Amino acid sequence: MASRLTVETDFGHKALKVQRNGNLRRKAWLAVFAGSALFWGAVAVVIWHIWG
């Protein structure tokens, strides 16, 4: 059983470079740290309720 793949010759040539500002990057890191803090806070509360 043979399969055929087609290749487009202009693939990748029309890519646009996206300009990202530092504010978006800072907000993304803040969201990561906030999510991590919420997760570990929830883990601490669960452990407290189990041992308490």
Protein backbone atom coordinates (compact mmCIF):
# COMPACT_ATOMS: atom_id res chain seq x y z
CA MET A 1 0.00 0.00 0.00
CA ALA A 2 1.65 3.18 -1.15
CA SER A 3 0.99 6.63 0.20
CA ARG A 4 1.80 9.84 -1.58
CA LEU A 5 2.94 13.04 0.09
CA THR A 6 2.82 16.35 -1.69
CA VAL A 7 5.25 19.12 -0.93
CA GLU A 8 4.35 22.76 -1.38
CA THR A 9 7.25 24.72 -2.79
CA ASP A 10 6.35 28.02 -1.11
CA PHE A 11 5.87 26.57 2.37
CA GLY A 12 7.56 28.66 5.05
CA HIS A 13 8.47 31.57 2.81
CA LYS A 14 5.43 33.61 3.75
CA ALA A 15 5.96 33.37 7.51
CA LEU A 16 5.56 36.59 9.41
CA LYS A 17 7.78 37.35 12.37
CA VAL A 18 5.77 38.34 15.43
CA GLN A 19 7.04 41.18 17.57
CA ARG A 20 6.55 40.38 21.25
CA ASN A 21 6.84 43.01 23.89
CA GLY A 22 8.32 42.52 27.33
CA ASN A 23 5.02 43.26 29.05
CA LEU A 24 3.42 40.12 27.62
CA ARG A 25 6.41 38.06 28.64
CA ARG A 26 6.27 39.46 32.18
CA LYS A 27 2.55 38.69 32.43
CA ALA A 28 3.15 35.14 31.22
CA TRP A 29 5.80 34.52 33.89
CA LEU A 30 3.56 36.08 36.51
CA ALA A 31 0.75 33.71 35.50
CA VAL A 32 3.11 30.73 35.74
CA PHE A 33 4.28 31.71 39.21
CA ALA A 34 0.74 32.47 40.41
CA GLY A 35 -0.50 29.11 39.15
CA SER A 36 2.37 27.35 40.86
CA ALA A 37 1.70 29.19 44.14
CA LEU A 38 -2.00 28.26 44.00
CA PHE A 39 -1.16 24.62 43.31
CA TRP A 40 1.30 24.32 46.20
CA GLY A 41 -1.06 26.22 48.48
CA ALA A 42 -3.80 23.70 47.70
CA VAL A 43 -1.38 20.82 48.34
CA ALA A 44 -0.46 22.35 51.72
CA VAL A 45 -4.13 22.70 52.69
CA VAL A 46 -4.86 19.09 51.74
CA ILE A 47 -1.88 17.85 53.78
CA TRP A 48 -2.98 20.03 56.71
CA HIS A 49 -6.48 18.54 56.62
CA ILE A 50 -5.13 14.97 56.42
CA TRP A 51 -2.71 15.38 59.34
CA GLY A 52 -4.88 17.78 61.35
